[in-house]
Amino acid sequence: MTVRAAFADQARSCRALGSELTARVVERLGDALQPAQGAVARRVLDWPGDASPRGDSVPLRLAGALHALVLSQADAELAAAYQAGDPGAPLLLAAIQRHQAHVMHWLDSPPQTNEVGRSAALIGAARFLAGLSPLPLDLLELGASAGLNLNFHRYLLAPDRGLAPDPRIFGPGDVVLAPVWQGDLPATAFTVGAGEGVDLRPVDARRDADRLLAYCWPDQRERMARLRAALGLARDLPPRVVAGDAADFLEDRLACRKPGHVRMVYHTVAWQYFPPAVQARCEAAIQRAGALASADAPLAHVSMEADGGNGAALRLRFWDGQARAWSLGRADFHGRWIAWDPIPA
């Protein structure tokens, strides 16, 4: 895929996920960038790897750099155009010219969105697991980013309520997840005993909050509000995320059984970014731990990953002396909707 095709592909994805503003920014830059415009344009157009959303996500790196300028109020003209919802290509290119060093720095790193809306699916899976075992969950998240989804048990699932919930029920700092929910809502209560995540490049939810917000699409106000609330909670209850390789982490953590807990290994739209060798080692570690699992030390593997269908597939594997598996349904990549339909696999 060419770099310009990667921008067009990303624009289509943004529109499908409800962000017309980000789609316009990406689309216009993909059409307008030329090598003569400076170092940023040359670097983007000569990108040495896969610039697409399935690779280095170069369009979102550039979009994040521009949104960061808006959030920090570093470029009043750009901020006004974003507020109006229709920044033209000349204005976008001029902003890049004015802030080349800033944009070049943002091109160095992949986007880190840490999408909190996916926690709605994790809450559903945890409630389903509580129906299989009453033991507290020991959370192990792969590709955890800032670890915001390690706090999923502290979020409130209120399907179809929107982000203006009744203040008599929800407080101003609550993280409220309000997906359109199809199917029966699992209701069994669960508890979490401990949680830890791993990421190659962890993001500090307290120090790097502005970076996470910049990768959130600016016209999705509910999503931005949800992320701000989750970051506020993480400042008070910081999740533990270690820097490292997912396979190394999982092999180490699953080497010993943990009686009295359900070990819940999970990942949400992360597996596809692991190299095949890492995927194979993670799967082998899960299978070894599953073979040693028992009723007093079960193992669960929950995944929310793309499979070519509508949204992401929700899957659960569970070992407690026997091995069982379910397709739990499907979910929007940002958690806007969940089609809950548990079927034994």
C-alpha atoms as a PDB file:
ATOM      1  CA  MET A   1       0.000   0.000   0.000  1.00  0.00           C
ATOM      2  CA  THR A   2       1.364   3.412  -0.962  1.00  0.00           C
ATOM      3  CA  VAL A   3       1.551   6.225   1.578  1.00  0.00           C
ATOM      4  CA  ARG A   4      -1.257   8.136  -0.150  1.00  0.00           C
ATOM      5  CA  ALA A   5      -3.391   4.986  -0.195  1.00  0.00           C
ATOM      6  CA  ALA A   6      -2.724   4.601   3.538  1.00  0.00           C
ATOM      7  CA  PHE A   7      -4.125   8.100   4.126  1.00  0.00           C
ATOM      8  CA  ALA A   8      -7.217   7.307   2.037  1.00  0.00           C
ATOM      9  CA  ASP A   9      -7.700   4.018   3.892  1.00  0.00           C
ATOM     10  CA  GLN A  10      -7.393   5.740   7.268  1.00  0.00           C
ATOM     11  CA  ALA A  11      -9.913   8.399   6.228  1.00  0.00           C
ATOM     12  CA  ARG A  12     -12.437   5.677   5.378  1.00  0.00           C
ATOM     13  CA  SER A  13     -11.857   4.053   8.765  1.00  0.00           C
ATOM     14  CA  CYS A  14     -12.331   7.366  10.581  1.00  0.00           C
ATOM     15  CA  ARG A  15     -15.646   7.940   8.819  1.00  0.00           C
ATOM     16  CA  ALA A  16     -16.808   4.405   9.588  1.00  0.00           C
ATOM     17  CA  LEU A  17     -15.967   4.991  13.260  1.00  0.00           C
ATOM     18  CA  GLY A  18     -17.815   8.305  13.395  1.00  0.00           C
ATOM     19  CA  SER A  19     -15.114  11.000  13.090  1.00  0.00           C
ATOM     20  CA  GLU A  20     -15.754  13.160  10.048  1.00  0.00           C
ATOM     21  CA  LEU A  21     -13.270  15.802  11.233  1.00  0.00           C
ATOM     22  CA  THR A  22     -10.347  13.377  11.508  1.00  0.00           C
ATOM     23  CA  ALA A  23     -11.354  11.832   8.175  1.00  0.00           C
ATOM     24  CA  ARG A  24     -11.177  15.263   6.519  1.00  0.00           C
ATOM     25  CA  VAL A  25      -7.807  16.087   8.082  1.00  0.00           C
ATOM     26  CA  VAL A  26      -6.269  12.786   7.010  1.00  0.00           C
ATOM     27  CA  GLU A  27      -7.840  12.828   3.559  1.00  0.00           C
ATOM     28  CA  ARG A  28      -6.768  16.387   2.787  1.00  0.00           C
ATOM     29  CA  LEU A  29      -3.220  15.843   3.965  1.00  0.00           C
ATOM     30  CA  GLY A  30      -2.966  12.640   1.950  1.00  0.00           C
ATOM     31  CA  ASP A  31      -3.952  14.545  -1.181  1.00  0.00           C
ATOM     32  CA  ALA A  32      -1.988  17.749  -0.516  1.00  0.00           C
ATOM     33  CA  LEU A  33       1.409  16.682   0.846  1.00  0.00           C
ATOM     34  CA  GLN A  34       4.295  17.233  -1.589  1.00  0.00           C
ATOM     35  CA  PRO A  35       8.058  16.677  -1.064  1.00  0.00           C
ATOM     36  CA  ALA A  36       8.846  20.361  -1.685  1.00  0.00           C
ATOM     37  CA  GLN A  37       6.801  21.375   1.378  1.00  0.00           C
ATOM     38  CA  GLY A  38       9.540  20.551   3.849  1.00  0.00           C
ATOM     39  CA  ALA A  39      11.013  17.901   6.116  1.00  0.00           C
ATOM     40  CA  VAL A  40       7.700  16.636   7.494  1.00  0.00           C
ATOM     41  CA  ALA A  41       6.179  16.090   4.059  1.00  0.00           C
ATOM     42  CA  ARG A  42       9.307  14.353   2.769  1.00  0.00           C
ATOM     43  CA  ARG A  43       9.487  12.091   5.799  1.00  0.00           C
ATOM     44  CA  VAL A  44       5.837  11.093   5.500  1.00  0.00           C
ATOM     45  CA  LEU A  45       5.888  10.514   1.743  1.00  0.00           C
ATOM     46  CA  ASP A  46       9.163   8.551   1.924  1.00  0.00           C
ATOM     47  CA  TRP A  47       8.076   6.458   4.903  1.00  0.00           C
ATOM     48  CA  PRO A  48      10.261   3.329   4.868  1.00  0.00           C
ATOM     49  CA  GLY A  49       7.791   0.883   6.419  1.00  0.00           C
ATOM     50  CA  ASP A  50       4.078   0.144   6.241  1.00  0.00           C
ATOM     51  CA  ALA A  51       2.343   3.509   6.659  1.00  0.00           C
ATOM     52  CA  SER A  52      -1.142   1.984   6.846  1.00  0.00           C
ATOM     53  CA  PRO A  53      -3.380   1.505   9.910  1.00  0.00           C
ATOM     54  CA  ARG A  54      -2.199  -2.118  10.013  1.00  0.00           C
ATOM     55  CA  GLY A  55       1.427  -1.013  10.223  1.00  0.00           C
ATOM     56  CA  ASP A  56       2.932   2.243  11.470  1.00  0.00           C
ATOM     57  CA  SER A  57      -0.322   4.281  11.335  1.00  0.00           C
ATOM     58  CA  VAL A  58       1.461   7.304   9.881  1.00  0.00           C
ATOM     59  CA  PRO A  59      -1.778   9.211   9.133  1.00  0.00           C
ATOM     60  CA  LEU A  60      -2.798   9.006  12.798  1.00  0.00           C
ATOM     61  CA  ARG A  61       0.681  10.045  13.938  1.00  0.00           C
ATOM     62  CA  LEU A  62       0.277  13.203  11.869  1.00  0.00           C
ATOM     63  CA  ALA A  63      -3.327  13.759  12.991  1.00  0.00           C
ATOM     64  CA  GLY A  64      -2.263  13.326  16.618  1.00  0.00           C
ATOM     65  CA  ALA A  65       0.489  15.911  16.222  1.00  0.00           C
ATOM     66  CA  LEU A  66      -1.999  18.465  14.914  1.00  0.00           C
ATOM     67  CA  HIS A  67      -4.610  17.728  17.591  1.00  0.00           C
ATOM     68  CA  ALA A  68      -1.894  18.164  20.231  1.00  0.00           C
ATOM     69  CA  LEU A  69      -1.315  21.700  18.929  1.00  0.00           C
ATOM     70  CA  VAL A  70      -5.033  22.380  19.310  1.00  0.00           C
ATOM     71  CA  LEU A  71      -5.250  20.956  22.834  1.00  0.00           C
ATOM     72  CA  SER A  72      -2.189  22.881  24.010  1.00  0.00           C
ATOM     73  CA  GLN A  73      -3.490  26.089  22.396  1.00  0.00           C
ATOM     74  CA  ALA A  74      -0.169  26.383  20.579  1.00  0.00           C
ATOM     75  CA  ASP A  75      -1.821  27.350  17.277  1.00  0.00           C
ATOM     76  CA  ALA A  76      -4.891  29.589  17.519  1.00  0.00           C
ATOM     77  CA  GLU A  77      -5.646  29.492  13.786  1.00  0.00           C
ATOM     78  CA  LEU A  78      -5.618  25.698  13.714  1.00  0.00           C
ATOM     79  CA  ALA A  79      -7.728  25.520  16.882  1.00  0.00           C
ATOM     80  CA  ALA A  80     -10.363  27.806  15.357  1.00  0.00           C
ATOM     81  CA  ALA A  81     -10.540  25.652  12.231  1.00  0.00           C
ATOM     82  CA  TYR A  82     -10.921  22.506  14.326  1.00  0.00           C
ATOM     83  CA  GLN A  83     -13.678  24.179  16.327  1.00  0.00           C
ATOM     84  CA  ALA A  84     -15.476  24.949  13.056  1.00  0.00           C
ATOM     85  CA  GLY A  85     -14.991  21.328  11.992  1.00  0.00           C
ATOM     86  CA  ASP A  86     -13.541  21.988   8.551  1.00  0.00           C
ATOM     87  CA  PRO A  87      -9.788  22.740   8.394  1.00  0.00           C
ATOM     88  CA  GLY A  88      -8.680  23.155   4.798  1.00  0.00           C
ATOM     89  CA  ALA A  89      -5.512  21.685   3.331  1.00  0.00           C
ATOM     90  CA  PRO A  90      -3.646  25.046   3.069  1.00  0.00           C
ATOM     91  CA  LEU A  91      -4.298  25.752   6.742  1.00  0.00           C
ATOM     92  CA  LEU A  92      -3.170  22.258   7.777  1.00  0.00           C
ATOM     93  CA  LEU A  93       0.010  22.529   5.717  1.00  0.00           C
ATOM     94  CA  ALA A  94       0.741  25.980   7.149  1.00  0.00           C
ATOM     95  CA  ALA A  95       0.366  24.641  10.699  1.00  0.00           C
ATOM     96  CA  ILE A  96       2.821  21.855   9.908  1.00  0.00           C
ATOM     97  CA  GLN A  97       5.273  24.431   8.542  1.00  0.00           C
ATOM     98  CA  ARG A  98       4.957  26.554  11.693  1.00  0.00           C
ATOM     99  CA  HIS A  99       5.557  23.595  14.017  1.00  0.00           C
ATOM    100  CA  GLN A 100       7.893  21.286  12.074  1.00  0.00           C
ATOM    101  CA  ALA A 101       9.989  20.217  15.075  1.00  0.00           C
ATOM    102  CA  HIS A 102       6.852  19.349  17.061  1.00  0.00           C
ATOM    103  CA  VAL A 103       5.379  17.311  14.203  1.00  0.00           C
ATOM    104  CA  MET A 104       8.659  15.504  13.509  1.00  0.00           C
ATOM    105  CA  HIS A 105       8.782  14.469  17.165  1.00  0.00           C
ATOM    106  CA  TRP A 106       5.243  13.072  17.013  1.00  0.00           C
ATOM    107  CA  LEU A 107       6.090  11.089  13.888  1.00  0.00           C
ATOM    108  CA  ASP A 108       8.669   9.165  15.937  1.00  0.00           C
ATOM    109  CA  SER A 109       6.090   7.175  17.929  1.00  0.00           C
ATOM    110  CA  PRO A 110       3.011   5.092  17.073  1.00  0.00           C
ATOM    111  CA  PRO A 111      -0.434   6.215  18.235  1.00  0.00           C
ATOM    112  CA  GLN A 112      -1.443   5.207  21.757  1.00  0.00           C
ATOM    113  CA  THR A 113      -5.199   5.499  22.130  1.00  0.00           C
ATOM    114  CA  ASN A 114      -5.905   3.181  25.086  1.00  0.00           C
ATOM    115  CA  GLU A 115      -9.583   3.050  24.083  1.00  0.00           C
ATOM    116  CA  VAL A 116     -11.604   3.023  27.319  1.00  0.00           C
ATOM    117  CA  GLY A 117     -14.859   2.104  25.555  1.00  0.00           C
ATOM    118  CA  ARG A 118     -13.529  -1.429  25.105  1.00  0.00           C
ATOM    119  CA  SER A 119     -13.868  -1.905  28.850  1.00  0.00           C
ATOM    120  CA  ALA A 120     -17.598  -2.444  28.328  1.00  0.00           C
ATOM    121  CA  ALA A 121     -16.783  -5.745  26.627  1.00  0.00           C
ATOM    122  CA  LEU A 122     -14.335  -6.623  29.413  1.00  0.00           C
ATOM    123  CA  ILE A 123     -17.004  -6.004  32.048  1.00  0.00           C
ATOM    124  CA  GLY A 124     -19.350  -8.299  30.148  1.00  0.00           C
ATOM    125  CA  ALA A 125     -16.665 -10.987  29.930  1.00  0.00           C
ATOM    126  CA  ALA A 126     -15.810 -10.654  33.634  1.00  0.00           C
ATOM    127  CA  ARG A 127     -19.468 -11.012  34.595  1.00  0.00           C
ATOM    128  CA  PHE A 128     -19.733 -14.076  32.380  1.00  0.00           C
ATOM    129  CA  LEU A 129     -16.615 -15.497  34.040  1.00  0.00           C
ATOM    130  CA  ALA A 130     -18.141 -14.916  37.477  1.00  0.00           C
ATOM    131  CA  GLY A 131     -20.867 -17.337  36.443  1.00  0.00           C
ATOM    132  CA  LEU A 132     -18.184 -19.967  35.827  1.00  0.00           C
ATOM    133  CA  SER A 133     -16.131 -19.353  38.985  1.00  0.00           C
ATOM    134  CA  PRO A 134     -16.782 -17.172  42.062  1.00  0.00           C
ATOM    135  CA  LEU A 135     -13.054 -16.583  42.637  1.00  0.00           C
ATOM    136  CA  PRO A 136     -11.591 -13.059  42.312  1.00  0.00           C
ATOM    137  CA  LEU A 137      -9.906 -12.147  39.046  1.00  0.00           C
ATOM    138  CA  ASP A 138      -6.160 -11.683  38.673  1.00  0.00           C
ATOM    139  CA  LEU A 139      -5.849  -9.464  35.591  1.00  0.00           C
ATOM    140  CA  LEU A 140      -3.022  -9.791  33.054  1.00  0.00           C
ATOM    141  CA  GLU A 141      -3.382  -7.394  30.108  1.00  0.00           C
ATOM    142  CA  LEU A 142      -1.249  -7.623  26.970  1.00  0.00           C
ATOM    143  CA  GLY A 143      -0.625  -4.450  24.982  1.00  0.00           C
ATOM    144  CA  ALA A 144      -1.910  -2.388  27.897  1.00  0.00           C
ATOM    145  CA  SER A 145      -0.691   1.074  26.787  1.00  0.00           C
ATOM    146  CA  ALA A 146      -1.421   3.319  29.809  1.00  0.00           C
ATOM    147  CA  GLY A 147      -3.335   0.560  31.592  1.00  0.00           C
ATOM    148  CA  LEU A 148      -6.659   2.386  31.600  1.00  0.00           C
ATOM    149  CA  ASN A 149      -8.464  -0.861  30.794  1.00  0.00           C
ATOM    150  CA  LEU A 150      -6.881  -2.466  33.864  1.00  0.00           C
ATOM    151  CA  ASN A 151      -9.328  -0.273  35.778  1.00  0.00           C
ATOM    152  CA  PHE A 152     -12.367  -1.679  33.967  1.00  0.00           C
ATOM    153  CA  HIS A 153     -13.830  -3.023  37.214  1.00  0.00           C
ATOM    154  CA  ARG A 154     -14.021   0.558  38.483  1.00  0.00           C
ATOM    155  CA  TYR A 155     -16.056   1.783  35.502  1.00  0.00           C
ATOM    156  CA  LEU A 156     -19.849   1.899  35.338  1.00  0.00           C
ATOM    157  CA  LEU A 157     -21.636  -0.016  32.591  1.00  0.00           C
ATOM    158  CA  ALA A 158     -24.900   1.737  31.769  1.00  0.00           C
ATOM    159  CA  PRO A 159     -25.963   0.641  28.279  1.00  0.00           C
ATOM    160  CA  ASP A 160     -27.833   3.162  26.146  1.00  0.00           C
ATOM    161  CA  ARG A 161     -27.770   5.895  28.819  1.00  0.00           C
ATOM    162  CA  GLY A 162     -25.387   8.227  26.985  1.00  0.00           C
ATOM    163  CA  LEU A 163     -22.836  10.474  28.654  1.00  0.00           C
ATOM    164  CA  ALA A 164     -25.359  12.709  30.397  1.00  0.00           C
ATOM    165  CA  PRO A 165     -26.490  10.227  33.052  1.00  0.00           C
ATOM    166  CA  ASP A 166     -28.737  11.010  35.977  1.00  0.00           C
ATOM    167  CA  PRO A 167     -26.526  12.872  38.521  1.00  0.00           C
ATOM    168  CA  ARG A 168     -28.458  11.166  41.306  1.00  0.00           C
ATOM    169  CA  ILE A 169     -26.947   7.873  40.136  1.00  0.00           C
ATOM    170  CA  PHE A 170     -23.555   8.827  38.691  1.00  0.00           C
ATOM    171  CA  GLY A 171     -20.985  11.271  40.029  1.00  0.00           C
ATOM    172  CA  PRO A 172     -19.158  13.873  37.905  1.00  0.00           C
ATOM    173  CA  GLY A 173     -15.905  11.870  37.971  1.00  0.00           C
ATOM    174  CA  ASP A 174     -17.420   8.484  37.160  1.00  0.00           C
ATOM    175  CA  VAL A 175     -16.299   6.654  34.026  1.00  0.00           C
ATOM    176  CA  VAL A 176     -19.636   5.740  32.461  1.00  0.00           C
ATOM    177  CA  LEU A 177     -19.675   3.271  29.567  1.00  0.00           C
ATOM    178  CA  ALA A 178     -22.892   3.553  27.587  1.00  0.00           C
ATOM    179  CA  PRO A 179     -22.736   1.283  24.531  1.00  0.00           C
ATOM    180  CA  VAL A 180     -25.759   0.273  22.539  1.00  0.00           C
ATOM    181  CA  TRP A 181     -26.136  -3.246  23.931  1.00  0.00           C
ATOM    182  CA  GLN A 182     -27.815  -6.004  21.944  1.00  0.00           C
ATOM    183  CA  GLY A 183     -28.627  -9.232  23.772  1.00  0.00           C
ATOM    184  CA  ASP A 184     -28.935 -10.114  27.432  1.00  0.00           C
ATOM    185  CA  LEU A 185     -26.747  -8.097  29.794  1.00  0.00           C
ATOM    186  CA  PRO A 186     -24.674 -10.374  32.081  1.00  0.00           C
ATOM    187  CA  ALA A 187     -25.451  -9.511  35.687  1.00  0.00           C
ATOM    188  CA  THR A 188     -23.276 -11.760  37.888  1.00  0.00           C
ATOM    189  CA  ALA A 189     -21.050  -9.660  40.152  1.00  0.00           C
ATOM    190  CA  PHE A 190     -17.284 -10.152  40.024  1.00  0.00           C
ATOM    191  CA  THR A 191     -14.324  -8.983  42.080  1.00  0.00           C
ATOM    192  CA  VAL A 192     -10.752  -8.152  41.083  1.00  0.00           C
ATOM    193  CA  GLY A 193      -7.890  -9.118  43.355  1.00  0.00           C
ATOM    194  CA  ALA A 194      -4.953  -7.730  41.382  1.00  0.00           C
ATOM    195  CA  GLY A 195      -4.048  -6.400  37.959  1.00  0.00           C
ATOM    196  CA  GLU A 196      -0.935  -5.888  35.868  1.00  0.00           C
ATOM    197  CA  GLY A 197      -0.274  -5.116  32.230  1.00  0.00           C
ATOM    198  CA  VAL A 198       2.610  -5.104  29.785  1.00  0.00           C
ATOM    199  CA  ASP A 199       3.434  -2.907  26.810  1.00  0.00           C
ATOM    200  CA  LEU A 200       6.548  -2.383  24.712  1.00  0.00           C
ATOM    201  CA  ARG A 201       6.156   1.368  25.228  1.00  0.00           C
ATOM    202  CA  PRO A 202       3.935   1.992  28.246  1.00  0.00           C
ATOM    203  CA  VAL A 203       2.308   5.383  28.582  1.00  0.00           C
ATOM    204  CA  ASP A 204       2.209   7.028  31.999  1.00  0.00           C
ATOM    205  CA  ALA A 205      -1.439   7.975  32.538  1.00  0.00           C
ATOM    206  CA  ARG A 206      -0.418  10.846  34.792  1.00  0.00           C
ATOM    207  CA  ARG A 207       2.583  12.262  32.933  1.00  0.00           C
ATOM    208  CA  ASP A 208       1.429  11.559  29.359  1.00  0.00           C
ATOM    209  CA  ALA A 209      -2.295  12.315  29.615  1.00  0.00           C
ATOM    210  CA  ASP A 210      -2.083  15.034  26.953  1.00  0.00           C
ATOM    211  CA  ARG A 211      -0.554  12.578  24.510  1.00  0.00           C
ATOM    212  CA  LEU A 212      -3.420  10.109  24.968  1.00  0.00           C
ATOM    213  CA  LEU A 213      -5.966  12.893  24.532  1.00  0.00           C
ATOM    214  CA  ALA A 214      -4.279  14.049  21.314  1.00  0.00           C
ATOM    215  CA  TYR A 215      -4.801  10.638  19.731  1.00  0.00           C
ATOM    216  CA  CYS A 216      -8.491  10.738  20.636  1.00  0.00           C
ATOM    217  CA  TRP A 217     -10.468  12.184  17.726  1.00  0.00           C
ATOM    218  CA  PRO A 218     -11.462  15.792  18.478  1.00  0.00           C
ATOM    219  CA  ASP A 219     -15.048  15.731  17.211  1.00  0.00           C
ATOM    220  CA  GLN A 220     -15.944  12.697  19.353  1.00  0.00           C
ATOM    221  CA  ARG A 221     -16.788  14.638  22.489  1.00  0.00           C
ATOM    222  CA  GLU A 222     -18.257  11.700  24.410  1.00  0.00           C
ATOM    223  CA  ARG A 223     -15.131   9.658  23.754  1.00  0.00           C
ATOM    224  CA  MET A 224     -12.916  12.554  24.856  1.00  0.00           C
ATOM    225  CA  ALA A 225     -14.973  13.023  28.038  1.00  0.00           C
ATOM    226  CA  ARG A 226     -14.756   9.312  28.817  1.00  0.00           C
ATOM    227  CA  LEU A 227     -10.988   9.350  28.355  1.00  0.00           C
ATOM    228  CA  ARG A 228     -10.595  12.417  30.586  1.00  0.00           C
ATOM    229  CA  ALA A 229     -12.634  10.694  33.308  1.00  0.00           C
ATOM    230  CA  ALA A 230     -10.540   7.511  33.022  1.00  0.00           C
ATOM    231  CA  LEU A 231      -7.320   9.531  33.231  1.00  0.00           C
ATOM    232  CA  GLY A 232      -8.632  11.277  36.330  1.00  0.00           C
ATOM    233  CA  LEU A 233      -9.348   7.923  37.954  1.00  0.00           C
ATOM    234  CA  ALA A 234      -5.902   6.638  36.959  1.00  0.00           C
ATOM    235  CA  ARG A 235      -4.270   9.577  38.702  1.00  0.00           C
ATOM    236  CA  ASP A 236      -5.849   8.413  41.968  1.00  0.00           C
ATOM    237  CA  LEU A 237      -5.639   4.662  41.295  1.00  0.00           C
ATOM    238  CA  PRO A 238      -2.687   4.204  38.935  1.00  0.00           C
ATOM    239  CA  PRO A 239      -2.676   0.887  37.055  1.00  0.00           C
ATOM    240  CA  ARG A 240       0.529  -1.142  37.002  1.00  0.00           C
ATOM    241  CA  VAL A 241       2.016  -1.523  33.519  1.00  0.00           C
ATOM    242  CA  VAL A 242       5.532  -2.842  32.984  1.00  0.00           C
ATOM    243  CA  ALA A 243       7.667  -2.231  29.914  1.00  0.00           C
ATOM    244  CA  GLY A 244       8.477  -5.375  28.017  1.00  0.00           C
ATOM    245  CA  ASP A 245       7.613  -8.070  25.538  1.00  0.00           C
ATOM    246  CA  ALA A 246       4.177  -9.674  25.861  1.00  0.00           C
ATOM    247  CA  ALA A 247       5.544 -13.213  25.554  1.00  0.00           C
ATOM    248  CA  ASP A 248       8.271 -12.685  28.164  1.00  0.00           C
ATOM    249  CA  PHE A 249       5.679 -11.208  30.519  1.00  0.00           C
ATOM    250  CA  LEU A 250       3.151 -13.994  30.038  1.00  0.00           C
ATOM    251  CA  GLU A 251       5.695 -16.796  30.332  1.00  0.00           C
ATOM    252  CA  ASP A 252       6.885 -15.326  33.620  1.00  0.00           C
ATOM    253  CA  ARG A 253       3.473 -14.578  35.142  1.00  0.00           C
ATOM    254  CA  LEU A 254       1.906 -17.900  34.159  1.00  0.00           C
ATOM    255  CA  ALA A 255       4.888 -20.022  35.231  1.00  0.00           C
ATOM    256  CA  CYS A 256       3.248 -20.612  38.627  1.00  0.00           C
ATOM    257  CA  ARG A 257      -0.352 -21.359  39.507  1.00  0.00           C
ATOM    258  CA  LYS A 258      -2.227 -18.879  41.692  1.00  0.00           C
ATOM    259  CA  PRO A 259      -4.767 -20.782  43.806  1.00  0.00           C
ATOM    260  CA  GLY A 260      -7.775 -18.793  44.927  1.00  0.00           C
ATOM    261  CA  HIS A 261      -7.875 -16.619  41.788  1.00  0.00           C
ATOM    262  CA  VAL A 262      -9.001 -16.778  38.177  1.00  0.00           C
ATOM    263  CA  ARG A 263      -6.056 -15.629  36.056  1.00  0.00           C
ATOM    264  CA  MET A 264      -7.657 -13.525  33.315  1.00  0.00           C
ATOM    265  CA  VAL A 265      -5.320 -12.924  30.375  1.00  0.00           C
ATOM    266  CA  TYR A 266      -6.797 -10.398  27.958  1.00  0.00           C
ATOM    267  CA  HIS A 267      -6.056  -8.063  25.075  1.00  0.00           C
ATOM    268  CA  THR A 268      -8.191  -5.656  23.044  1.00  0.00           C
ATOM    269  CA  VAL A 269      -7.120  -4.848  19.475  1.00  0.00           C
ATOM    270  CA  ALA A 270      -3.495  -5.584  20.321  1.00  0.00           C
ATOM    271  CA  TRP A 271      -2.789  -9.148  19.173  1.00  0.00           C
ATOM    272  CA  GLN A 272      -2.539  -8.130  15.509  1.00  0.00           C
ATOM    273  CA  TYR A 273       0.460  -5.936  16.334  1.00  0.00           C
ATOM    274  CA  PHE A 274       2.463  -8.766  17.938  1.00  0.00           C
ATOM    275  CA  PRO A 275       5.036 -10.456  15.684  1.00  0.00           C
ATOM    276  CA  PRO A 276       4.109 -14.053  14.778  1.00  0.00           C
ATOM    277  CA  ALA A 277       6.843 -15.431  17.050  1.00  0.00           C
ATOM    278  CA  VAL A 278       5.450 -13.468  20.012  1.00  0.00           C
ATOM    279  CA  GLN A 279       1.927 -14.660  19.244  1.00  0.00           C
ATOM    280  CA  ALA A 280       3.141 -18.267  19.161  1.00  0.00           C
ATOM    281  CA  ARG A 281       4.959 -17.950  22.489  1.00  0.00           C
ATOM    282  CA  CYS A 282       1.960 -16.285  24.142  1.00  0.00           C
ATOM    283  CA  GLU A 283      -0.330 -19.044  22.913  1.00  0.00           C
ATOM    284  CA  ALA A 284       2.081 -21.724  24.130  1.00  0.00           C
ATOM    285  CA  ALA A 285       2.255 -20.085  27.572  1.00  0.00           C
ATOM    286  CA  ILE A 286      -1.542 -19.980  27.768  1.00  0.00           C
ATOM    287  CA  GLN A 287      -1.833 -23.622  26.734  1.00  0.00           C
ATOM    288  CA  ARG A 288       0.750 -24.726  29.312  1.00  0.00           C
ATOM    289  CA  ALA A 289      -0.999 -22.792  32.064  1.00  0.00           C
ATOM    290  CA  GLY A 290      -4.374 -24.100  30.922  1.00  0.00           C
ATOM    291  CA  ALA A 291      -3.157 -27.678  31.224  1.00  0.00           C
ATOM    292  CA  LEU A 292      -2.245 -27.008  34.883  1.00  0.00           C
ATOM    293  CA  ALA A 293      -5.426 -25.094  35.745  1.00  0.00           C
ATOM    294  CA  SER A 294      -7.952 -26.455  38.223  1.00  0.00           C
ATOM    295  CA  ALA A 295     -11.191 -25.444  39.893  1.00  0.00           C
ATOM    296  CA  ASP A 296      -9.258 -23.614  42.626  1.00  0.00           C
ATOM    297  CA  ALA A 297      -6.874 -21.947  40.133  1.00  0.00           C
ATOM    298  CA  PRO A 298      -8.657 -21.453  36.809  1.00  0.00           C
ATOM    299  CA  LEU A 299      -7.314 -19.675  33.737  1.00  0.00           C
ATOM    300  CA  ALA A 300      -9.282 -17.481  31.339  1.00  0.00           C
ATOM    301  CA  HIS A 301      -8.235 -15.922  28.046  1.00  0.00           C
ATOM    302  CA  VAL A 302     -10.437 -13.066  26.804  1.00  0.00           C
ATOM    303  CA  SER A 303      -9.827 -11.433  23.438  1.00  0.00           C
ATOM    304  CA  MET A 304     -11.417  -8.582  21.519  1.00  0.00           C
ATOM    305  CA  GLU A 305      -9.737  -8.630  18.133  1.00  0.00           C
ATOM    306  CA  ALA A 306     -10.401  -7.941  14.467  1.00  0.00           C
ATOM    307  CA  ASP A 307     -11.199 -10.973  12.333  1.00  0.00           C
ATOM    308  CA  GLY A 308     -12.440  -9.368   9.119  1.00  0.00           C
ATOM    309  CA  GLY A 309     -16.073  -9.204  10.264  1.00  0.00           C
ATOM    310  CA  ASN A 310     -18.138  -6.304  11.524  1.00  0.00           C
ATOM    311  CA  GLY A 311     -16.274  -4.832  14.481  1.00  0.00           C
ATOM    312  CA  ALA A 312     -14.189  -7.095  16.697  1.00  0.00           C
ATOM    313  CA  ALA A 313     -14.805 -10.699  17.719  1.00  0.00           C
ATOM    314  CA  LEU A 314     -15.231 -11.325  21.460  1.00  0.00           C
ATOM    315  CA  ARG A 315     -13.881 -14.717  22.503  1.00  0.00           C
ATOM    316  CA  LEU A 316     -13.348 -16.527  25.793  1.00  0.00           C
ATOM    317  CA  ARG A 317     -11.369 -19.654  26.597  1.00  0.00           C
ATOM    318  CA  PHE A 318     -11.569 -21.118  30.103  1.00  0.00           C
ATOM    319  CA  TRP A 319      -9.665 -23.883  31.858  1.00  0.00           C
ATOM    320  CA  ASP A 320     -10.565 -25.259  35.298  1.00  0.00           C
ATOM    321  CA  GLY A 321      -9.556 -28.884  34.879  1.00  0.00           C
ATOM    322  CA  GLN A 322     -11.345 -29.022  31.571  1.00  0.00           C
ATOM    323  CA  ALA A 323     -11.068 -26.741  28.550  1.00  0.00           C
ATOM    324  CA  ARG A 324     -14.059 -24.790  27.277  1.00  0.00           C
ATOM    325  CA  ALA A 325     -14.515 -21.920  24.849  1.00  0.00           C
ATOM    326  CA  TRP A 326     -17.189 -19.438  23.817  1.00  0.00           C
ATOM    327  CA  SER A 327     -17.794 -16.856  21.171  1.00  0.00           C
ATOM    328  CA  LEU A 328     -19.224 -14.052  23.304  1.00  0.00           C
ATOM    329  CA  GLY A 329     -20.395 -11.898  20.404  1.00  0.00           C
ATOM    330  CA  ARG A 330     -19.010  -8.821  18.671  1.00  0.00           C
ATOM    331  CA  ALA A 331     -18.113  -5.254  19.605  1.00  0.00           C
ATOM    332  CA  ASP A 332     -17.430  -1.948  17.920  1.00  0.00           C
ATOM    333  CA  PHE A 333     -13.708  -1.156  17.998  1.00  0.00           C
ATOM    334  CA  HIS A 334     -14.378   1.917  20.159  1.00  0.00           C
ATOM    335  CA  GLY A 335     -17.063   0.240  22.267  1.00  0.00           C
ATOM    336  CA  ARG A 336     -19.993   2.178  20.765  1.00  0.00           C
ATOM    337  CA  TRP A 337     -22.042  -1.012  20.477  1.00  0.00           C
ATOM    338  CA  ILE A 338     -21.850  -4.579  21.718  1.00  0.00           C
ATOM    339  CA  ALA A 339     -23.745  -7.533  20.257  1.00  0.00           C
ATOM    340  CA  TRP A 340     -23.677  -9.969  23.179  1.00  0.00           C
ATOM    341  CA  ASP A 341     -24.458 -13.538  22.137  1.00  0.00           C
ATOM    342  CA  PRO A 342     -22.467 -16.210  24.045  1.00  0.00           C
ATOM    343  CA  ILE A 343     -22.262 -19.458  22.087  1.00  0.00           C
ATOM    344  CA  PRO A 344     -20.052 -22.454  22.970  1.00  0.00           C
ATOM    345  CA  ALA A 345     -17.234 -22.715  20.454  1.00  0.00           C
END
